[in-house]
Amino acid sequence: MRDVARTAGARLTLGGRWSRNRSSPAAFAFMTETLMTTIEDSFQIAWDYLEATGELGHPDTAANHLLDTIETMVRRGERRRLLLSNTAIASYQRFRTEQGLSLAS
């Protein structure tokens, strides 16, 4: 029974309870898939909003800026999709405003 539990990524703790081994490959794969989904969803929300409002601009520039912003926040631990997307939108809007001002100067 112990061998089966170990291969499933679980272990017996000192208190006699079974706990899931968070570092098992199966746990990592699930966490990674969820994280990728969070990033994709946040990007899509931001992209759709900017496209609908006509603020998208150059697609490559927009995609790079949105992904950079979302990736930075995810690396800092943020996982809330709407916060990720709204922050990316606001950052891109500021970027576009600064670009417009610097081009006009």
C-alpha atoms as a PDB file:
ATOM      1  CA  MET A   1       0.000   0.000   0.000  1.00  0.00           C
ATOM      2  CA  ARG A   2       2.837   2.427   0.757  1.00  0.00           C
ATOM      3  CA  ASP A   3       4.352   1.910  -2.677  1.00  0.00           C
ATOM      4  CA  VAL A   4       1.003   2.703  -4.317  1.00  0.00           C
ATOM      5  CA  ALA A   5       0.624   5.838  -2.218  1.00  0.00           C
ATOM      6  CA  ARG A   6       4.131   7.022  -3.038  1.00  0.00           C
ATOM      7  CA  THR A   7       3.631   6.596  -6.756  1.00  0.00           C
ATOM      8  CA  ALA A   8       0.378   8.566  -6.557  1.00  0.00           C
ATOM      9  CA  GLY A   9       2.287  11.476  -5.020  1.00  0.00           C
ATOM     10  CA  ALA A  10       0.900  11.048  -1.483  1.00  0.00           C
ATOM     11  CA  ARG A  11       2.740  10.402   1.744  1.00  0.00           C
ATOM     12  CA  LEU A  12       1.942   9.482   5.315  1.00  0.00           C
ATOM     13  CA  THR A  13       2.638  12.320   7.772  1.00  0.00           C
ATOM     14  CA  LEU A  14       3.751  11.977  11.387  1.00  0.00           C
ATOM     15  CA  GLY A  15       0.152  12.385  12.574  1.00  0.00           C
ATOM     16  CA  GLY A  16      -0.893   9.347  10.551  1.00  0.00           C
ATOM     17  CA  ARG A  17      -2.680  11.360   7.856  1.00  0.00           C
ATOM     18  CA  TRP A  18      -2.109  11.157   4.143  1.00  0.00           C
ATOM     19  CA  SER A  19      -1.069  14.338   2.400  1.00  0.00           C
ATOM     20  CA  ARG A  20      -0.476  15.129  -1.248  1.00  0.00           C
ATOM     21  CA  ASN A  21       3.132  15.654  -2.237  1.00  0.00           C
ATOM     22  CA  ARG A  22       3.030  19.113  -3.888  1.00  0.00           C
ATOM     23  CA  SER A  23       6.299  18.555  -5.724  1.00  0.00           C
ATOM     24  CA  SER A  24       5.105  15.498  -7.620  1.00  0.00           C
ATOM     25  CA  PRO A  25       5.130  15.737 -11.424  1.00  0.00           C
ATOM     26  CA  ALA A  26       1.342  15.361 -11.549  1.00  0.00           C
ATOM     27  CA  ALA A  27       0.819  18.299  -9.167  1.00  0.00           C
ATOM     28  CA  PHE A  28       3.297  20.415 -11.136  1.00  0.00           C
ATOM     29  CA  ALA A  29       1.601  19.606 -14.454  1.00  0.00           C
ATOM     30  CA  PHE A  30      -1.795  20.618 -13.068  1.00  0.00           C
ATOM     31  CA  MET A  31      -0.398  23.835 -11.615  1.00  0.00           C
ATOM     32  CA  THR A  32       1.379  24.716 -14.846  1.00  0.00           C
ATOM     33  CA  GLU A  33      -1.703  24.062 -16.950  1.00  0.00           C
ATOM     34  CA  THR A  34      -3.780  26.270 -14.679  1.00  0.00           C
ATOM     35  CA  LEU A  35      -1.181  29.017 -14.798  1.00  0.00           C
ATOM     36  CA  MET A  36      -1.062  28.898 -18.592  1.00  0.00           C
ATOM     37  CA  THR A  37      -4.846  29.108 -18.704  1.00  0.00           C
ATOM     38  CA  THR A  38      -4.786  32.107 -16.371  1.00  0.00           C
ATOM     39  CA  ILE A  39      -2.262  33.897 -18.583  1.00  0.00           C
ATOM     40  CA  GLU A  40      -4.165  33.078 -21.770  1.00  0.00           C
ATOM     41  CA  ASP A  41      -7.499  34.171 -20.305  1.00  0.00           C
ATOM     42  CA  SER A  42      -6.057  37.424 -18.951  1.00  0.00           C
ATOM     43  CA  PHE A  43      -4.417  38.200 -22.271  1.00  0.00           C
ATOM     44  CA  GLN A  44      -7.624  37.459 -24.192  1.00  0.00           C
ATOM     45  CA  ILE A  45      -9.709  39.690 -21.904  1.00  0.00           C
ATOM     46  CA  ALA A  46      -7.266  42.579 -22.350  1.00  0.00           C
ATOM     47  CA  TRP A  47      -6.986  42.024 -26.109  1.00  0.00           C
ATOM     48  CA  ASP A  48     -10.758  41.871 -26.629  1.00  0.00           C
ATOM     49  CA  TYR A  49     -11.281  45.048 -24.633  1.00  0.00           C
ATOM     50  CA  LEU A  50      -8.606  47.009 -26.502  1.00  0.00           C
ATOM     51  CA  GLU A  51      -9.900  45.734 -29.826  1.00  0.00           C
ATOM     52  CA  ALA A  52     -13.517  46.623 -28.989  1.00  0.00           C
ATOM     53  CA  THR A  53     -12.583  50.153 -27.894  1.00  0.00           C
ATOM     54  CA  GLY A  54     -10.314  50.768 -30.886  1.00  0.00           C
ATOM     55  CA  GLU A  55      -7.221  51.215 -28.709  1.00  0.00           C
ATOM     56  CA  LEU A  56      -5.353  48.142 -29.925  1.00  0.00           C
ATOM     57  CA  GLY A  57      -2.862  49.867 -32.204  1.00  0.00           C
ATOM     58  CA  HIS A  58      -0.147  47.733 -33.786  1.00  0.00           C
ATOM     59  CA  PRO A  59      -0.953  44.076 -32.952  1.00  0.00           C
ATOM     60  CA  ASP A  60       2.645  42.934 -32.365  1.00  0.00           C
ATOM     61  CA  THR A  61       3.404  45.847 -30.062  1.00  0.00           C
ATOM     62  CA  ALA A  62       0.153  45.359 -28.178  1.00  0.00           C
ATOM     63  CA  ALA A  63       0.691  41.611 -27.786  1.00  0.00           C
ATOM     64  CA  ASN A  64       4.249  42.049 -26.509  1.00  0.00           C
ATOM     65  CA  HIS A  65       3.290  44.766 -24.043  1.00  0.00           C
ATOM     66  CA  LEU A  66       0.257  42.903 -22.693  1.00  0.00           C
ATOM     67  CA  LEU A  67       2.179  39.648 -22.270  1.00  0.00           C
ATOM     68  CA  ASP A  68       5.151  41.377 -20.636  1.00  0.00           C
ATOM     69  CA  THR A  69       2.861  43.081 -18.133  1.00  0.00           C
ATOM     70  CA  ILE A  70       0.913  39.911 -17.348  1.00  0.00           C
ATOM     71  CA  GLU A  71       4.089  37.823 -17.077  1.00  0.00           C
ATOM     72  CA  THR A  72       5.677  40.299 -14.665  1.00  0.00           C
ATOM     73  CA  MET A  73       2.634  40.197 -12.406  1.00  0.00           C
ATOM     74  CA  VAL A  74       2.392  36.396 -12.547  1.00  0.00           C
ATOM     75  CA  ARG A  75       6.069  36.094 -11.583  1.00  0.00           C
ATOM     76  CA  ARG A  76       5.278  38.256  -8.546  1.00  0.00           C
ATOM     77  CA  GLY A  77       2.515  35.843  -7.555  1.00  0.00           C
ATOM     78  CA  GLU A  78      -0.655  37.439  -8.913  1.00  0.00           C
ATOM     79  CA  ARG A  79      -3.232  34.924 -10.189  1.00  0.00           C
ATOM     80  CA  ARG A  80      -6.487  36.914 -10.450  1.00  0.00           C
ATOM     81  CA  ARG A  81      -7.460  37.075 -14.121  1.00  0.00           C
ATOM     82  CA  LEU A  82      -9.328  40.374 -14.026  1.00  0.00           C
ATOM     83  CA  LEU A  83      -6.609  42.135 -12.068  1.00  0.00           C
ATOM     84  CA  LEU A  84      -4.008  40.827 -14.518  1.00  0.00           C
ATOM     85  CA  SER A  85      -6.019  41.917 -17.561  1.00  0.00           C
ATOM     86  CA  ASN A  86      -7.063  45.312 -16.163  1.00  0.00           C
ATOM     87  CA  THR A  87      -3.503  46.147 -15.130  1.00  0.00           C
ATOM     88  CA  ALA A  88      -2.224  45.118 -18.569  1.00  0.00           C
ATOM     89  CA  ILE A  89      -4.877  47.318 -20.230  1.00  0.00           C
ATOM     90  CA  ALA A  90      -4.003  50.332 -18.069  1.00  0.00           C
ATOM     91  CA  SER A  91      -0.284  49.800 -18.658  1.00  0.00           C
ATOM     92  CA  TYR A  92      -0.788  49.567 -22.415  1.00  0.00           C
ATOM     93  CA  GLN A  93      -2.943  52.701 -22.437  1.00  0.00           C
ATOM     94  CA  ARG A  94      -0.216  54.607 -20.551  1.00  0.00           C
ATOM     95  CA  PHE A  95       2.392  53.223 -22.964  1.00  0.00           C
ATOM     96  CA  ARG A  96       0.361  54.392 -25.976  1.00  0.00           C
ATOM     97  CA  THR A  97      -0.121  57.838 -24.449  1.00  0.00           C
ATOM     98  CA  GLU A  98       3.608  58.162 -23.750  1.00  0.00           C
ATOM     99  CA  GLN A  99       4.431  56.965 -27.279  1.00  0.00           C
ATOM    100  CA  GLY A 100       2.029  59.558 -28.721  1.00  0.00           C
ATOM    101  CA  LEU A 101       3.572  62.326 -26.656  1.00  0.00           C
ATOM    102  CA  SER A 102       7.135  61.328 -27.509  1.00  0.00           C
ATOM    103  CA  LEU A 103       6.307  61.099 -31.224  1.00  0.00           C
ATOM    104  CA  ALA A 104       4.679  64.550 -31.154  1.00  0.00           C
ATOM    105  CA  SER A 105       7.678  66.177 -29.414  1.00  0.00           C
END
